Each structure stands twice: as structure tokens, then as C-alpha cells.
C-alpha atoms as a PDB file:
ATOM      1  CA  MET A   1      16.708 -18.497  -0.204  1.00  0.00           C
ATOM      2  CA  THR A   2      13.249 -16.948  -0.425  1.00  0.00           C
ATOM      3  CA  PHE A   3      11.781 -20.435  -0.079  1.00  0.00           C
ATOM      4  CA  ILE A   4      13.665 -20.917   3.183  1.00  0.00           C
ATOM      5  CA  SER A   5      12.753 -17.428   4.375  1.00  0.00           C
ATOM      6  CA  GLY A   6       9.123 -18.451   3.916  1.00  0.00           C
ATOM      7  CA  ILE A   7       9.648 -21.554   6.057  1.00  0.00           C
ATOM      8  CA  LEU A   8      11.834 -19.963   8.734  1.00  0.00           C
ATOM      9  CA  SER A   9      10.427 -16.671  10.006  1.00  0.00           C
ATOM     10  CA  TRP A  10      12.634 -13.793  11.060  1.00  0.00           C
ATOM     11  CA  LYS A  11      12.002 -14.561  14.753  1.00  0.00           C
ATOM     12  CA  HIS A  12      13.010 -18.192  14.349  1.00  0.00           C
ATOM     13  CA  THR A  13      16.041 -17.154  12.323  1.00  0.00           C
ATOM     14  CA  ILE A  14      17.237 -14.804  15.059  1.00  0.00           C
ATOM     15  CA  LEU A  15      16.544 -17.260  17.887  1.00  0.00           C
ATOM     16  CA  LEU A  16      18.246 -20.151  16.085  1.00  0.00           C
ATOM     17  CA  SER A  17      21.193 -17.899  15.261  1.00  0.00           C
ATOM     18  CA  VAL A  18      21.603 -16.972  18.927  1.00  0.00           C
ATOM     19  CA  MET A  19      21.423 -20.625  19.979  1.00  0.00           C
ATOM     20  CA  VAL A  20      23.966 -21.704  17.358  1.00  0.00           C
ATOM     21  CA  LEU A  21      26.287 -18.815  18.275  1.00  0.00           C
ATOM     22  CA  LEU A  22      26.138 -19.767  21.960  1.00  0.00           C
ATOM     23  CA  LEU A  23      26.851 -23.433  21.216  1.00  0.00           C
ATOM     24  CA  LEU A  24      29.761 -22.543  18.945  1.00  0.00           C
ATOM     25  CA  THR A  25      31.125 -20.070  21.485  1.00  0.00           C
ATOM     26  CA  VAL A  26      31.290 -22.812  24.111  1.00  0.00           C
ATOM     27  CA  SER A  27      32.737 -25.272  21.608  1.00  0.00           C
ATOM     28  CA  SER A  28      35.446 -22.833  20.545  1.00  0.00           C
ATOM     29  CA  PHE A  29      37.239 -23.779  23.754  1.00  0.00           C
ATOM     30  CA  TYR A  30      36.872 -27.515  23.055  1.00  0.00           C
ATOM     31  CA  GLY A  31      39.803 -29.539  21.757  1.00  0.00           C
ATOM     32  CA  ILE A  32      38.365 -32.158  19.450  1.00  0.00           C
ATOM     33  CA  TYR A  33      41.554 -34.274  19.410  1.00  0.00           C
ATOM     34  CA  THR A  34      41.906 -34.354  23.195  1.00  0.00           C
ATOM     35  CA  ASN A  35      38.267 -34.126  24.355  1.00  0.00           C
ATOM     36  CA  THR A  36      39.135 -31.338  26.809  1.00  0.00           C
ATOM     37  CA  PHE A  37      38.421 -27.637  27.143  1.00  0.00           C
ATOM     38  CA  TYR A  38      41.237 -25.091  26.811  1.00  0.00           C
ATOM     39  CA  PHE A  39      40.628 -21.693  28.367  1.00  0.00           C
ATOM     40  CA  THR A  40      44.231 -20.496  28.392  1.00  0.00           C
ATOM     41  CA  LYS A  41      44.752 -20.451  24.605  1.00  0.00           C
ATOM     42  CA  ILE A  42      44.232 -16.908  23.340  1.00  0.00           C
ATOM     43  CA  ASP A  43      43.110 -17.994  19.857  1.00  0.00           C
ATOM     44  CA  ASN A  44      40.106 -19.761  21.399  1.00  0.00           C
ATOM     45  CA  TYR A  45      38.700 -16.323  22.234  1.00  0.00           C
ATOM     46  CA  ILE A  46      38.618 -15.080  18.626  1.00  0.00           C
ATOM     47  CA  PHE A  47      35.275 -16.664  17.765  1.00  0.00           C
ATOM     48  CA  PRO A  48      33.495 -15.462  20.948  1.00  0.00           C
ATOM     49  CA  VAL A  49      34.654 -11.887  20.353  1.00  0.00           C
ATOM     50  CA  LEU A  50      33.544 -11.945  16.710  1.00  0.00           C
ATOM     51  CA  SER A  51      30.232 -13.548  17.623  1.00  0.00           C
ATOM     52  CA  MET A  52      29.490 -10.569  19.868  1.00  0.00           C
ATOM     53  CA  VAL A  53      29.301  -8.381  16.744  1.00  0.00           C
ATOM     54  CA  HIS A  54      26.936 -10.924  15.220  1.00  0.00           C
ATOM     55  CA  LEU A  55      24.769 -10.883  18.353  1.00  0.00           C
ATOM     56  CA  VAL A  56      24.600  -7.078  18.290  1.00  0.00           C
ATOM     57  CA  PHE A  57      23.519  -7.216  14.637  1.00  0.00           C
ATOM     58  CA  LEU A  58      20.790  -9.715  15.536  1.00  0.00           C
ATOM     59  CA  TYR A  59      19.621  -7.464  18.372  1.00  0.00           C
ATOM     60  CA  VAL A  60      19.495  -4.421  16.072  1.00  0.00           C
ATOM     61  CA  LEU A  61      17.639  -6.468  13.456  1.00  0.00           C
ATOM     62  CA  TRP A  62      15.087  -7.610  16.054  1.00  0.00           C
ATOM     63  CA  PHE A  63      14.639  -4.031  17.250  1.00  0.00           C
ATOM     64  CA  LYS A  64      14.251  -2.579  13.760  1.00  0.00           C
ATOM     65  CA  ILE A  65      11.673  -5.174  12.746  1.00  0.00           C
ATOM     66  CA  THR A  66       9.594  -4.992  15.938  1.00  0.00           C
ATOM     67  CA  GLU A  67       9.644  -1.180  16.059  1.00  0.00           C
ATOM     68  CA  ASN A  68       9.029  -0.930  12.301  1.00  0.00           C
ATOM     69  CA  GLU A  69      12.036   1.344  11.811  1.00  0.00           C
ATOM     70  CA  LEU A  70      14.123   1.937   8.728  1.00  0.00           C
ATOM     71  CA  SER A  71      17.755   0.965   8.410  1.00  0.00           C
ATOM     72  CA  ASP A  72      20.417   3.368   9.602  1.00  0.00           C
ATOM     73  CA  PRO A  73      24.207   3.768   9.221  1.00  0.00           C
ATOM     74  CA  VAL A  74      24.881   1.852  12.461  1.00  0.00           C
ATOM     75  CA  MET A  75      22.981  -1.163  11.176  1.00  0.00           C
ATOM     76  CA  ARG A  76      24.752  -0.895   7.832  1.00  0.00           C
ATOM     77  CA  ASN A  77      28.167  -0.839   9.527  1.00  0.00           C
ATOM     78  CA  LEU A  78      27.232  -3.838  11.658  1.00  0.00           C
ATOM     79  CA  GLU A  79      26.103  -5.748   8.597  1.00  0.00           C
ATOM     80  CA  TYR A  80      29.262  -4.888   6.676  1.00  0.00           C
ATOM     81  CA  SER A  81      31.295  -6.076   9.670  1.00  0.00           C
ATOM     82  CA  LEU A  82      29.230  -9.248   9.618  1.00  0.00           C
ATOM     83  CA  TYR A  83      30.286  -9.826   6.004  1.00  0.00           C
ATOM     84  CA  ILE A  84      33.917  -9.878   7.131  1.00  0.00           C
ATOM     85  CA  ILE A  85      33.060 -12.134  10.068  1.00  0.00           C
ATOM     86  CA  PHE A  86      31.242 -14.404   7.602  1.00  0.00           C
ATOM     87  CA  ILE A  87      34.630 -15.114   6.015  1.00  0.00           C
ATOM     88  CA  VAL A  88      35.886 -16.271   9.428  1.00  0.00           C
ATOM     89  CA  TYR A  89      32.834 -18.539   9.695  1.00  0.00           C
ATOM     90  CA  VAL A  90      33.657 -20.047   6.296  1.00  0.00           C
ATOM     91  CA  PHE A  91      37.250 -20.576   7.442  1.00  0.00           C
ATOM     92  CA  LYS A  92      36.059 -22.303  10.645  1.00  0.00           C
ATOM     93  CA  LEU A  93      33.749 -24.550   8.588  1.00  0.00           C
ATOM     94  CA  LEU A  94      36.582 -25.519   6.246  1.00  0.00           C
ATOM     95  CA  ASP A  95      38.956 -25.996   9.182  1.00  0.00           C
ATOM     96  CA  THR A  96      36.486 -28.327  10.874  1.00  0.00           C
ATOM     97  CA  GLY A  97      36.067 -30.227   7.610  1.00  0.00           C
ATOM     98  CA  VAL A  98      39.834 -30.653   7.279  1.00  0.00           C
ATOM     99  CA  ILE A  99      40.038 -31.884  10.881  1.00  0.00           C
ATOM    100  CA  LEU A 100      37.290 -34.421  10.205  1.00  0.00           C
ATOM    101  CA  LEU A 101      39.053 -35.608   7.074  1.00  0.00           C
ATOM    102  CA  SER A 102      42.283 -36.068   9.045  1.00  0.00           C
ATOM    103  CA  TYR A 103      40.697 -38.833  11.119  1.00  0.00           C
ATOM    104  CA  SER A 104      42.310 -41.563   9.020  1.00  0.00           C
ATOM    105  CA  ASP A 105      45.753 -39.938   9.420  1.00  0.00           C
ATOM    106  CA  TYR A 106      45.681 -40.603  13.159  1.00  0.00           C
ATOM    107  CA  GLU A 107      44.286 -44.150  13.246  1.00  0.00           C
ATOM    108  CA  GLY A 108      47.392 -45.422  15.051  1.00  0.00           C
ATOM    109  CA  TYR A 109      47.015 -42.845  17.800  1.00  0.00           C
ATOM    110  CA  LEU A 110      44.603 -42.728  20.684  1.00  0.00           C
ATOM    111  CA  ILE A 111      41.701 -40.606  19.478  1.00  0.00           C
ATOM    112  CA  PRO A 112      38.719 -40.061  21.778  1.00  0.00           C
ATOM    113  CA  THR A 113      35.461 -41.741  20.847  1.00  0.00           C
ATOM    114  CA  THR A 114      33.841 -38.308  20.762  1.00  0.00           C
ATOM    115  CA  PHE A 115      36.005 -37.191  17.838  1.00  0.00           C
ATOM    116  CA  LEU A 116      33.614 -37.999  14.995  1.00  0.00           C
ATOM    117  CA  PRO A 117      30.311 -37.113  16.758  1.00  0.00           C
ATOM    118  CA  ALA A 118      31.718 -33.817  18.066  1.00  0.00           C
ATOM    119  CA  GLY A 119      33.314 -33.063  14.706  1.00  0.00           C
ATOM    120  CA  PHE A 120      30.137 -33.687  12.757  1.00  0.00           C
ATOM    121  CA  ALA A 121      28.152 -31.640  15.288  1.00  0.00           C
ATOM    122  CA  LEU A 122      30.582 -28.728  14.906  1.00  0.00           C
ATOM    123  CA  PHE A 123      30.505 -29.018  11.127  1.00  0.00           C
ATOM    124  CA  THR A 124      26.692 -28.975  11.173  1.00  0.00           C
ATOM    125  CA  LEU A 125      26.624 -25.992  13.537  1.00  0.00           C
ATOM    126  CA  TYR A 126      29.028 -23.990  11.355  1.00  0.00           C
ATOM    127  CA  MET A 127      27.021 -24.841   8.238  1.00  0.00           C
ATOM    128  CA  SER A 128      23.831 -23.801  10.037  1.00  0.00           C
ATOM    129  CA  LEU A 129      25.455 -20.560  11.145  1.00  0.00           C
ATOM    130  CA  LEU A 130      26.386 -19.709   7.563  1.00  0.00           C
ATOM    131  CA  LEU A 131      22.858 -20.373   6.331  1.00  0.00           C
ATOM    132  CA  LEU A 132      21.240 -18.499   9.229  1.00  0.00           C
ATOM    133  CA  THR A 133      23.527 -15.506   8.679  1.00  0.00           C
ATOM    134  CA  ILE A 134      22.553 -15.314   5.019  1.00  0.00           C
ATOM    135  CA  LEU A 135      18.909 -15.742   5.969  1.00  0.00           C
ATOM    136  CA  ALA A 136      19.136 -12.923   8.535  1.00  0.00           C
ATOM    137  CA  VAL A 137      20.441 -10.584   5.840  1.00  0.00           C
ATOM    138  CA  VAL A 138      17.619 -11.678   3.520  1.00  0.00           C
ATOM    139  CA  HIS A 139      15.083 -10.910   6.255  1.00  0.00           C
ATOM    140  CA  ARG A 140      16.759  -7.534   6.851  1.00  0.00           C
ATOM    141  CA  LYS A 141      16.467  -6.606   3.191  1.00  0.00           C
ATOM    142  CA  ARG A 142      12.853  -7.732   3.030  1.00  0.00           C
ATOM    143  CA  LEU A 143      11.559  -6.322   6.333  1.00  0.00           C
ATOM    144  CA  VAL A 144      13.799  -3.370   7.224  1.00  0.00           C
ATOM    145  CA  GLY A 145      14.764  -2.163   3.769  1.00  0.00           C
ATOM    146  CA  THR A 146      17.858  -1.282   1.848  1.00  0.00           C
ATOM    147  CA  TYR A 147      20.580   1.200   2.709  1.00  0.00           C
ATOM    148  CA  HIS A 148      19.641   4.245   0.588  1.00  0.00           C
ATOM    149  CA  PHE A 149      20.663   7.108   2.853  1.00  0.00           C
ATOM    150  CA  ASP A 150      21.169   9.608   0.033  1.00  0.00           C
ATOM    151  CA  ASP A 151      17.452   9.475  -0.789  1.00  0.00           C
ATOM    152  CA  MET A 152      16.526  10.106   2.845  1.00  0.00           C
ATOM    153  CA  ASN A 153      18.751  13.179   3.050  1.00  0.00           C
ATOM    154  CA  LYS A 154      17.144  14.770  -0.041  1.00  0.00           C
ATOM    155  CA  HIS A 155      13.815  15.090   1.761  1.00  0.00           C
ATOM    156  CA  VAL A 156      15.200  16.751   4.890  1.00  0.00           C
ATOM    157  CA  ASP A 157      14.698  20.508   5.030  1.00  0.00           C
ATOM    158  CA  SER A 158      17.461  21.779   7.303  1.00  0.00           C
ATOM    159  CA  TRP A 159      15.987  25.325   7.533  1.00  0.00           C
ATOM    160  CA  HIS A 160      12.846  24.362   9.444  1.00  0.00           C
END
């Protein structure tokens, strides 16, 4: 991953992550089997809500790097939340893979011509999101630092 972090800078990682998140947010309303958008299904809103936490983490990461600040408990909590959201991303990747593999099961049915291109695009976007998320955490560790708050509190003199 350090090889990739050398190729893809922290700015490019954050910008690509935002672009991929926006594309996947729009596509979360897309029905791959029917080639239509569904805005009334409540489960289509799960990914956009979770991606908001990811976007906030990316904003905090950008701020911490540009202002040369150390990590704080808020950033740590956002990152730990992102670890849980990462599991949802893995699920969405696997779900998209299963949908793509089900193509042969529905050969007798009318499947839109956009099924395979849209499916492969979604699969690629989810895979990219996983890699960019890991890369953002690598950049955080390298540029912002680790989460050692106990050491910081030892040097604070509360009497002055």
C-alpha cells in the first residue's frame, strides 16, 4: 500500500474518494435489473447516509493535513465509524458481484442491455472505494499521526 500511496497523493486520494462516493450515491437509487431509478425505496438511502460519515472523515483529514494539526478524538471516532462502514462497502461489493454472476440465471427474461456495463461499472467503483478508503487511512497515519492521546495528556500542566 505504501507503493500506491507514493503514486496517489493524499489530495488525489481525497478527491477521487469524493468523486467515487458521489457516483455510488447516485447509483444507489439505480435498479440494475430494470434500468430505472427508485427514490421511494427506503433501503436505497442507506448508502448515501453512510457515505456522509465518510465525506466528513475526508473533510477532517483534508483539514488536519493542510493545517498541520495532530489527530484528535473526533477524528479517531470518525475513523472507527468508517471501519464499520467499510464492512457495508464490502457487503455492497459482494452483493454487486453476486448480481453480476446471476446474469446467466435470467437469460430467458428481458434484461436491459445496460445490465453488464452498469454492473461492471458499479463493481469497479465499489472496489475503488475500498482501496481509496484504505489509502486514506494510510495517508492519515503517515501525515497526521497516530491516536496516542494518553501521551499528550501527560505533558499538560493543569495548574498553569
